[in-house]
C-alpha atoms as a PDB file:
ATOM      1  CA  MET A   1     109.545  84.121 152.960  1.00  0.00           C
ATOM      2  CA  SER A   2     107.380  83.415 149.969  1.00  0.00           C
ATOM      3  CA  VAL A   3     104.251  85.269 149.141  1.00  0.00           C
ATOM      4  CA  SER A   4     101.092  83.256 148.463  1.00  0.00           C
ATOM      5  CA  VAL A   5      98.765  83.942 145.668  1.00  0.00           C
ATOM      6  CA  LYS A   6      96.107  84.962 148.142  1.00  0.00           C
ATOM      7  CA  GLN A   7      98.450  87.423 149.844  1.00  0.00           C
ATOM      8  CA  ALA A   8      99.256  88.970 146.421  1.00  0.00           C
ATOM      9  CA  ALA A   9      95.518  89.092 145.600  1.00  0.00           C
ATOM     10  CA  HIS A  10      94.774  90.853 148.783  1.00  0.00           C
ATOM     11  CA  LEU A  11      97.413  93.449 148.109  1.00  0.00           C
ATOM     12  CA  ILE A  12      96.148  94.148 144.638  1.00  0.00           C
ATOM     13  CA  ARG A  13      92.537  94.323 145.970  1.00  0.00           C
ATOM     14  CA  GLU A  14      93.517  96.800 148.681  1.00  0.00           C
ATOM     15  CA  LEU A  15      95.640  98.987 146.557  1.00  0.00           C
ATOM     16  CA  GLY A  16      93.353  99.208 143.614  1.00  0.00           C
ATOM     17  CA  ASP A  17      94.248  99.180 139.905  1.00  0.00           C
ATOM     18  CA  ASP A  18      95.946 102.554 139.646  1.00  0.00           C
ATOM     19  CA  ARG A  19      98.379 101.991 142.582  1.00  0.00           C
ATOM     20  CA  SER A  20      98.928  98.434 141.482  1.00  0.00           C
ATOM     21  CA  LYS A  21      99.956  99.673 138.052  1.00  0.00           C
ATOM     22  CA  VAL A  22     102.578 101.884 139.608  1.00  0.00           C
ATOM     23  CA  LEU A  23     103.854  99.205 141.951  1.00  0.00           C
ATOM     24  CA  PHE A  24     104.230  96.472 139.332  1.00  0.00           C
ATOM     25  CA  ASP A  25     105.484  98.706 136.503  1.00  0.00           C
ATOM     26  CA  PRO A  26     109.029  97.251 135.632  1.00  0.00           C
ATOM     27  CA  GLY A  27     110.167 100.810 135.195  1.00  0.00           C
ATOM     28  CA  ASN A  28     109.524 101.578 138.789  1.00  0.00           C
ATOM     29  CA  THR A  29     111.463  98.640 140.198  1.00  0.00           C
ATOM     30  CA  GLY A  30     114.267 100.738 141.683  1.00  0.00           C
ATOM     31  CA  GLN A  31     111.878 103.112 143.438  1.00  0.00           C
ATOM     32  CA  VAL A  32     109.768 100.316 144.709  1.00  0.00           C
ATOM     33  CA  ARG A  33     112.799  98.552 146.144  1.00  0.00           C
ATOM     34  CA  MET A  34     113.951 101.870 147.879  1.00  0.00           C
ATOM     35  CA  PHE A  35     110.376 102.337 149.127  1.00  0.00           C
ATOM     36  CA  LEU A  36     110.308  98.837 150.666  1.00  0.00           C
ATOM     37  CA  GLU A  37     113.733  99.244 152.259  1.00  0.00           C
ATOM     38  CA  GLN A  38     112.704 102.528 153.805  1.00  0.00           C
ATOM     39  CA  LEU A  39     109.415 101.030 155.054  1.00  0.00           C
ATOM     40  CA  LYS A  40     111.285  98.041 156.369  1.00  0.00           C
ATOM     41  CA  SER A  41     113.542 100.318 158.410  1.00  0.00           C
ATOM     42  CA  LYS A  42     110.558 102.601 159.527  1.00  0.00           C
ATOM     43  CA  LYS A  43     112.155 105.563 157.844  1.00  0.00           C
ATOM     44  CA  THR A  44     110.067 108.361 156.255  1.00  0.00           C
ATOM     45  CA  VAL A  45     108.896 107.072 152.945  1.00  0.00           C
ATOM     46  CA  VAL A  46     108.687 109.205 149.870  1.00  0.00           C
ATOM     47  CA  PHE A  47     107.703 107.435 146.691  1.00  0.00           C
ATOM     48  CA  ASP A  48     107.671 109.880 143.733  1.00  0.00           C
ATOM     49  CA  THR A  49     105.121 108.927 141.157  1.00  0.00           C
ATOM     50  CA  VAL A  50     105.242 112.298 139.310  1.00  0.00           C
ATOM     51  CA  GLY A  51     105.261 111.555 135.544  1.00  0.00           C
ATOM     52  CA  ALA A  52     103.698 108.149 135.872  1.00  0.00           C
ATOM     53  CA  GLU A  53     101.306 107.928 132.890  1.00  0.00           C
ATOM     54  CA  GLU A  54      97.767 107.876 133.960  1.00  0.00           C
ATOM     55  CA  ASP A  55      95.907 106.753 130.863  1.00  0.00           C
ATOM     56  CA  LEU A  56      93.385 104.103 130.026  1.00  0.00           C
ATOM     57  CA  LEU A  57      95.433 101.780 128.048  1.00  0.00           C
ATOM     58  CA  PRO A  58      95.404  98.113 129.122  1.00  0.00           C
ATOM     59  CA  ILE A  59      98.199  97.185 131.564  1.00  0.00           C
ATOM     60  CA  PRO A  60     100.324  94.141 130.577  1.00  0.00           C
ATOM     61  CA  ILE A  61     100.621  91.700 133.389  1.00  0.00           C
ATOM     62  CA  GLU A  62     104.271  90.664 133.206  1.00  0.00           C
ATOM     63  CA  ASP A  63     104.204  87.861 135.652  1.00  0.00           C
ATOM     64  CA  ASP A  64     101.763  84.964 135.248  1.00  0.00           C
ATOM     65  CA  ASP A  65     101.445  84.646 138.938  1.00  0.00           C
ATOM     66  CA  TRP A  66     100.086  88.193 139.133  1.00  0.00           C
ATOM     67  CA  ALA A  67      97.479  87.248 136.558  1.00  0.00           C
ATOM     68  CA  VAL A  68      96.364  84.478 138.786  1.00  0.00           C
ATOM     69  CA  ALA A  69      96.351  86.896 141.801  1.00  0.00           C
ATOM     70  CA  LEU A  70      94.151  89.250 139.863  1.00  0.00           C
ATOM     71  CA  LEU A  71      91.635  86.523 139.128  1.00  0.00           C
ATOM     72  CA  VAL A  72      91.671  85.382 142.778  1.00  0.00           C
ATOM     73  CA  GLY A  73      91.478  88.911 144.062  1.00  0.00           C
ATOM     74  CA  ARG A  74      88.431  89.699 141.913  1.00  0.00           C
ATOM     75  CA  GLY A  75      86.278  86.723 142.609  1.00  0.00           C
ATOM     76  CA  TYR A  76      87.918  83.314 142.826  1.00  0.00           C
ATOM     77  CA  HIS A  77      88.594  83.298 146.572  1.00  0.00           C
ATOM     78  CA  CYS A  78      88.149  79.702 147.527  1.00  0.00           C
ATOM     79  CA  LYS A  79      90.972  77.093 147.208  1.00  0.00           C
ATOM     80  CA  ALA A  80      89.287  75.488 144.213  1.00  0.00           C
ATOM     81  CA  GLY A  81      89.059  78.969 142.737  1.00  0.00           C
ATOM     82  CA  VAL A  82      92.768  79.464 143.011  1.00  0.00           C
ATOM     83  CA  ALA A  83      93.449  76.198 141.141  1.00  0.00           C
ATOM     84  CA  TYR A  84      90.876  77.179 138.586  1.00  0.00           C
ATOM     85  CA  ALA A  85      92.597  80.564 137.975  1.00  0.00           C
ATOM     86  CA  LYS A  86      96.015  78.904 137.689  1.00  0.00           C
ATOM     87  CA  ARG A  87      94.656  76.503 134.969  1.00  0.00           C
ATOM     88  CA  LYS A  88      93.329  79.405 133.006  1.00  0.00           C
ATOM     89  CA  VAL A  89      96.627  81.238 132.994  1.00  0.00           C
ATOM     90  CA  GLU A  90      98.568  78.070 132.276  1.00  0.00           C
ATOM     91  CA  ARG A  91      96.421  77.184 129.213  1.00  0.00           C
ATOM     92  CA  TRP A  92      97.017  80.574 127.711  1.00  0.00           C
ATOM     93  CA  ARG A  93     100.709  80.353 128.366  1.00  0.00           C
ATOM     94  CA  LYS A  94     100.799  77.005 126.654  1.00  0.00           C
ATOM     95  CA  TYR A  95      99.093  78.497 123.685  1.00  0.00           C
ATOM     96  CA  ALA A  96     101.534  81.454 123.617  1.00  0.00           C
ATOM     97  CA  THR A  97     104.449  79.043 123.547  1.00  0.00           C
ATOM     98  CA  LYS A  98     102.909  77.265 120.558  1.00  0.00           C
ATOM     99  CA  ARG A  99     102.881  80.623 118.852  1.00  0.00           C
ATOM    100  CA  ASP A 100     106.489  81.394 119.786  1.00  0.00           C
ATOM    101  CA  TYR A 101     105.434  84.228 122.008  1.00  0.00           C
ATOM    102  CA  ILE A 102     107.064  84.909 125.417  1.00  0.00           C
ATOM    103  CA  GLY A 103     105.435  88.157 126.405  1.00  0.00           C
ATOM    104  CA  PRO A 104     102.506  88.682 128.824  1.00  0.00           C
ATOM    105  CA  VAL A 105      99.287  86.746 128.095  1.00  0.00           C
ATOM    106  CA  ALA A 106      97.035  88.674 130.492  1.00  0.00           C
ATOM    107  CA  TRP A 107      96.156  92.440 130.173  1.00  0.00           C
ATOM    108  CA  LEU A 108      94.379  94.401 132.783  1.00  0.00           C
ATOM    109  CA  VAL A 109      91.797  96.532 130.886  1.00  0.00           C
ATOM    110  CA  LYS A 110      90.506  99.704 132.503  1.00  0.00           C
ATOM    111  CA  PRO A 111      86.847 100.779 131.922  1.00  0.00           C
ATOM    112  CA  GLY A 112      86.192 103.820 129.759  1.00  0.00           C
ATOM    113  CA  PHE A 113      88.823 103.621 126.867  1.00  0.00           C
ATOM    114  CA  THR A 114      87.144 104.849 123.661  1.00  0.00           C
ATOM    115  CA  VAL A 115      88.205 104.681 120.084  1.00  0.00           C
ATOM    116  CA  HIS A 116      87.340 108.306 119.162  1.00  0.00           C
ATOM    117  CA  GLN A 117      88.604 109.985 122.300  1.00  0.00           C
ATOM    118  CA  HIS A 118      91.519 107.993 123.813  1.00  0.00           C
ATOM    119  CA  ALA A 119      93.080 105.961 120.953  1.00  0.00           C
ATOM    120  CA  PRO A 120      94.535 108.938 118.982  1.00  0.00           C
ATOM    121  CA  ILE A 121      96.126 110.180 122.279  1.00  0.00           C
ATOM    122  CA  ALA A 122      97.509 106.816 123.310  1.00  0.00           C
ATOM    123  CA  GLY A 123      99.365 106.042 120.068  1.00  0.00           C
ATOM    124  CA  PRO A 124      99.689 106.616 116.336  1.00  0.00           C
ATOM    125  CA  CYS A 125      96.436 106.396 114.631  1.00  0.00           C
ATOM    126  CA  ASN A 126      95.726 106.980 110.929  1.00  0.00           C
ATOM    127  CA  GLU A 127      94.527 110.600 110.447  1.00  0.00           C
ATOM    128  CA  ASN A 128      93.747 110.686 114.221  1.00  0.00           C
ATOM    129  CA  LEU A 129      90.598 108.653 113.458  1.00  0.00           C
ATOM    130  CA  LYS A 130      88.835 111.863 112.521  1.00  0.00           C
ATOM    131  CA  TYR A 131      86.140 110.010 110.596  1.00  0.00           C
ATOM    132  CA  PHE A 132      85.514 107.556 113.420  1.00  0.00           C
ATOM    133  CA  GLN A 133      85.081 110.617 115.696  1.00  0.00           C
ATOM    134  CA  THR A 134      82.641 112.178 113.353  1.00  0.00           C
ATOM    135  CA  PHE A 135      80.493 109.176 112.437  1.00  0.00           C
ATOM    136  CA  TYR A 136      80.770 106.684 115.296  1.00  0.00           C
ATOM    137  CA  PRO A 137      81.213 108.463 118.646  1.00  0.00           C
ATOM    138  CA  GLU A 138      78.596 106.262 120.402  1.00  0.00           C
ATOM    139  CA  VAL A 139      80.704 103.026 119.951  1.00  0.00           C
ATOM    140  CA  LYS A 140      80.924 101.547 123.497  1.00  0.00           C
ATOM    141  CA  PRO A 141      84.101 101.970 125.605  1.00  0.00           C
ATOM    142  CA  THR A 142      86.041  99.196 127.229  1.00  0.00           C
ATOM    143  CA  ARG A 143      84.779  97.487 130.390  1.00  0.00           C
ATOM    144  CA  HIS A 144      86.835  96.581 133.522  1.00  0.00           C
ATOM    145  CA  CYS A 145      88.265  93.127 132.750  1.00  0.00           C
ATOM    146  CA  LEU A 146      91.237  90.799 132.554  1.00  0.00           C
ATOM    147  CA  VAL A 147      91.900  89.854 129.017  1.00  0.00           C
ATOM    148  CA  PHE A 148      93.993  86.935 127.774  1.00  0.00           C
ATOM    149  CA  TRP A 149      95.507  87.737 124.413  1.00  0.00           C
ATOM    150  CA  VAL A 150      98.436  86.653 122.381  1.00  0.00           C
ATOM    151  CA  PRO A 151      99.246  89.424 119.887  1.00  0.00           C
ATOM    152  CA  ARG A 152      99.198  87.118 116.753  1.00  0.00           C
ATOM    153  CA  LEU A 153      96.349  86.495 114.418  1.00  0.00           C
ATOM    154  CA  ALA A 154      94.975  83.075 114.943  1.00  0.00           C
ATOM    155  CA  GLU A 155      96.569  80.487 112.660  1.00  0.00           C
ATOM    156  CA  ASP A 156      94.813  79.977 109.261  1.00  0.00           C
ATOM    157  CA  SER A 157      92.166  82.672 110.207  1.00  0.00           C
ATOM    158  CA  THR A 158      92.536  84.849 107.051  1.00  0.00           C
ATOM    159  CA  ASP A 159      90.991  84.569 103.606  1.00  0.00           C
ATOM    160  CA  THR A 160      87.581  83.453 104.880  1.00  0.00           C
ATOM    161  CA  THR A 161      84.172  84.861 105.742  1.00  0.00           C
ATOM    162  CA  ALA A 162      83.093  85.967 109.230  1.00  0.00           C
ATOM    163  CA  ASN A 163      80.816  82.975 109.671  1.00  0.00           C
ATOM    164  CA  SER A 164      83.703  80.628 108.778  1.00  0.00           C
ATOM    165  CA  MET A 165      85.905  82.583 111.134  1.00  0.00           C
ATOM    166  CA  LYS A 166      83.458  81.762 113.965  1.00  0.00           C
ATOM    167  CA  GLN A 167      83.580  78.147 113.223  1.00  0.00           C
ATOM    168  CA  HIS A 168      87.408  78.153 112.950  1.00  0.00           C
ATOM    169  CA  GLU A 169      87.514  79.986 116.333  1.00  0.00           C
ATOM    170  CA  GLU A 170      85.660  77.271 118.038  1.00  0.00           C
ATOM    171  CA  TYR A 171      87.950  74.675 116.430  1.00  0.00           C
ATOM    172  CA  LEU A 172      91.051  76.555 117.611  1.00  0.00           C
ATOM    173  CA  TRP A 173      89.583  76.876 121.134  1.00  0.00           C
ATOM    174  CA  GLN A 174      89.155  73.148 121.316  1.00  0.00           C
ATOM    175  CA  LYS A 175      92.456  72.342 119.581  1.00  0.00           C
ATOM    176  CA  HIS A 176      94.439  74.487 122.077  1.00  0.00           C
ATOM    177  CA  ASP A 177      92.337  73.405 125.058  1.00  0.00           C
ATOM    178  CA  LEU A 178      91.713  77.007 126.078  1.00  0.00           C
ATOM    179  CA  PRO A 179      89.460  77.780 129.121  1.00  0.00           C
ATOM    180  CA  GLU A 180      85.874  76.872 128.639  1.00  0.00           C
ATOM    181  CA  THR A 181      84.630  80.386 129.300  1.00  0.00           C
ATOM    182  CA  HIS A 182      87.073  82.044 126.815  1.00  0.00           C
ATOM    183  CA  CYS A 183      86.885  82.685 123.024  1.00  0.00           C
ATOM    184  CA  GLY A 184      83.567  82.782 121.292  1.00  0.00           C
ATOM    185  CA  ARG A 185      83.804  86.480 120.430  1.00  0.00           C
ATOM    186  CA  PHE A 186      86.261  88.571 118.383  1.00  0.00           C
ATOM    187  CA  GLY A 187      86.307  91.422 120.860  1.00  0.00           C
ATOM    188  CA  PRO A 188      84.877  94.945 120.823  1.00  0.00           C
ATOM    189  CA  VAL A 189      86.627  97.394 118.601  1.00  0.00           C
ATOM    190  CA  ALA A 190      87.562  99.592 121.553  1.00  0.00           C
ATOM    191  CA  LEU A 191      89.344  96.657 123.204  1.00  0.00           C
ATOM    192  CA  LEU A 192      91.250  95.829 120.086  1.00  0.00           C
ATOM    193  CA  PHE A 193      92.477  99.368 119.727  1.00  0.00           C
ATOM    194  CA  GLY A 194      93.495  99.439 123.326  1.00  0.00           C
ATOM    195  CA  LEU A 195      95.335  96.108 123.291  1.00  0.00           C
ATOM    196  CA  ILE A 196      97.200  96.813 120.003  1.00  0.00           C
ATOM    197  CA  LEU A 197      98.333 100.265 121.196  1.00  0.00           C
ATOM    198  CA  ALA A 198      99.344  98.834 124.644  1.00  0.00           C
ATOM    199  CA  HIS A 199     101.447  96.172 122.887  1.00  0.00           C
ATOM    200  CA  LEU A 200     103.029  98.940 120.794  1.00  0.00           C
ATOM    201  CA  ARG A 201     103.889 100.928 123.802  1.00  0.00           C
ATOM    202  CA  ARG A 202     105.486  97.849 125.580  1.00  0.00           C
ATOM    203  CA  THR A 203     107.494  96.450 122.554  1.00  0.00           C
ATOM    204  CA  GLY A 204     107.391  98.897 119.649  1.00  0.00           C
ATOM    205  CA  GLU A 205     105.818  96.096 117.511  1.00  0.00           C
ATOM    206  CA  ARG A 206     102.847  96.852 115.370  1.00  0.00           C
ATOM    207  CA  VAL A 207     100.228  94.107 115.182  1.00  0.00           C
ATOM    208  CA  PRO A 208      98.647  92.431 113.431  1.00  0.00           C
ATOM    209  CA  LEU A 209     101.918  91.819 111.581  1.00  0.00           C
ATOM    210  CA  ASN A 210     102.303  92.507 107.884  1.00  0.00           C
ATOM    211  CA  SER A 211      99.660  95.273 107.930  1.00  0.00           C
ATOM    212  CA  ARG A 212      96.839  92.854 108.346  1.00  0.00           C
ATOM    213  CA  PHE A 213      93.544  93.386 110.103  1.00  0.00           C
ATOM    214  CA  ALA A 214      91.797  91.861 113.108  1.00  0.00           C
ATOM    215  CA  CYS A 215      88.098  91.339 113.054  1.00  0.00           C
ATOM    216  CA  SER A 216      85.946  92.710 115.873  1.00  0.00           C
ATOM    217  CA  ASN A 217      82.446  91.832 117.037  1.00  0.00           C
ATOM    218  CA  THR A 218      81.307  95.509 116.771  1.00  0.00           C
ATOM    219  CA  LEU A 219      78.968  96.485 113.894  1.00  0.00           C
ATOM    220  CA  ASP A 220      78.236  99.882 112.419  1.00  0.00           C
ATOM    221  CA  PRO A 221      74.517 100.901 112.048  1.00  0.00           C
ATOM    222  CA  SER A 222      74.341  99.307 108.594  1.00  0.00           C
ATOM    223  CA  GLY A 223      75.518  95.909 109.849  1.00  0.00           C
ATOM    224  CA  ASP A 224      79.057  96.126 108.579  1.00  0.00           C
ATOM    225  CA  ARG A 225      81.848  94.856 110.856  1.00  0.00           C
ATOM    226  CA  PHE A 226      84.733  96.999 112.190  1.00  0.00           C
ATOM    227  CA  ILE A 227      88.235  95.601 111.566  1.00  0.00           C
ATOM    228  CA  VAL A 228      91.428  97.018 113.111  1.00  0.00           C
ATOM    229  CA  GLY A 229      94.974  97.026 111.785  1.00  0.00           C
ATOM    230  CA  GLY A 230      96.852  98.227 108.711  1.00  0.00           C
ATOM    231  CA  PHE A 231      99.443  99.325 111.194  1.00  0.00           C
ATOM    232  CA  GLU A 232     102.645  98.793 109.168  1.00  0.00           C
ATOM    233  CA  GLY A 233     103.920 100.612 106.118  1.00  0.00           C
ATOM    234  CA  GLY A 234     103.996 104.117 107.583  1.00  0.00           C
ATOM    235  CA  TYR A 235     100.358 104.245 108.599  1.00  0.00           C
ATOM    236  CA  GLY A 236      98.951 104.685 112.003  1.00  0.00           C
ATOM    237  CA  LEU A 237      96.456 102.193 113.438  1.00  0.00           C
ATOM    238  CA  GLN A 238      93.280 102.299 111.499  1.00  0.00           C
ATOM    239  CA  TYR A 239      89.914 100.757 111.126  1.00  0.00           C
ATOM    240  CA  ARG A 240      87.885  99.680 108.108  1.00  0.00           C
ATOM    241  CA  LEU A 241      84.270  98.317 107.659  1.00  0.00           C
ATOM    242  CA  TRP A 242      83.904  94.792 106.329  1.00  0.00           C
ATOM    243  CA  GLY A 243      80.792  92.958 105.155  1.00  0.00           C
ATOM    244  CA  ASP A 244      80.565  89.486 106.723  1.00  0.00           C
ATOM    245  CA  GLY A 245      80.245  87.859 103.364  1.00  0.00           C
ATOM    246  CA  GLY A 246      83.447  89.092 102.020  1.00  0.00           C
ATOM    247  CA  ARG A 247      86.736  87.223 102.274  1.00  0.00           C
ATOM    248  CA  PHE A 248      90.223  88.898 102.174  1.00  0.00           C
ATOM    249  CA  ASN A 249      93.632  87.469 102.719  1.00  0.00           C
ATOM    250  CA  ASP A 250      94.546  90.328 105.090  1.00  0.00           C
ATOM    251  CA  VAL A 251      91.719  89.955 107.584  1.00  0.00           C
ATOM    252  CA  GLY A 252      91.787  87.465 110.465  1.00  0.00           C
ATOM    253  CA  PHE A 253      91.041  87.375 114.123  1.00  0.00           C
ATOM    254  CA  PHE A 254      92.726  87.256 117.581  1.00  0.00           C
ATOM    255  CA  LEU A 255      91.842  84.516 120.096  1.00  0.00           C
ATOM    256  CA  LEU A 256      90.682  86.286 123.223  1.00  0.00           C
ATOM    257  CA  GLY A 257      89.657  85.347 126.738  1.00  0.00           C
ATOM    258  CA  VAL A 258      87.717  87.900 128.837  1.00  0.00           C
ATOM    259  CA  ASP A 259      87.078  87.775 132.562  1.00  0.00           C
ATOM    260  CA  TYR A 260      85.045  90.769 133.862  1.00  0.00           C
ATOM    261  CA  LEU A 261      86.350  91.887 137.173  1.00  0.00           C
ATOM    262  CA  ARG A 262      84.427  92.947 140.168  1.00  0.00           C
ATOM    263  CA  LYS A 263      85.259  96.328 141.675  1.00  0.00           C
END
């Protein structure tokens, strides 16, 4: 018997994000199978989740159908909404294929992940971000959302100013036929830290590749922009500040699509 997107969405909605994370974690497949077999035979069920990491890093959605289910379960309930959600995911998968990337394109972002408090615990960060903790503790945390992201800097996005990047982002959004509500922002600095460290945990790969930096839309009090990267060459993930008028061959941006989720 096949499971419909609506049935999957209902399951995710009823379980909540934390339980869904445990259920759909590929590392738990054996336990989940045993759990379901016991449930099917009406035996006493014991599902040991001791040791499951409870942190605030984004969760990679390994199956595109589950990304659709998350969108449906969080707001797109009607038949037209299901088709709309499918088109969103398909467009990002098409873009990922163009970039020779086969991993997840959707990431479930939990609310509350901060750069100064959570990032140094979640993964290797340069000098544990001690200066960020001292000078920028009020930078906003992540919000509850489903983010579409391919962990590659957008093509031809480096060696230009921030204003030119914004124009190029719109050009790429149209070129790749990405969803109409997506792109348009580089992403908050906390979101970029979370995504990059989540990708590292999943694959061991440090992005942006070649120690480059990704531009954010978060500004410091003086108006300079936070950029995130410099992750190769023995350094932990780091941030720098960048004036929008500057242009460097190691600073680009990620294309992002953000859907804020209902609780």
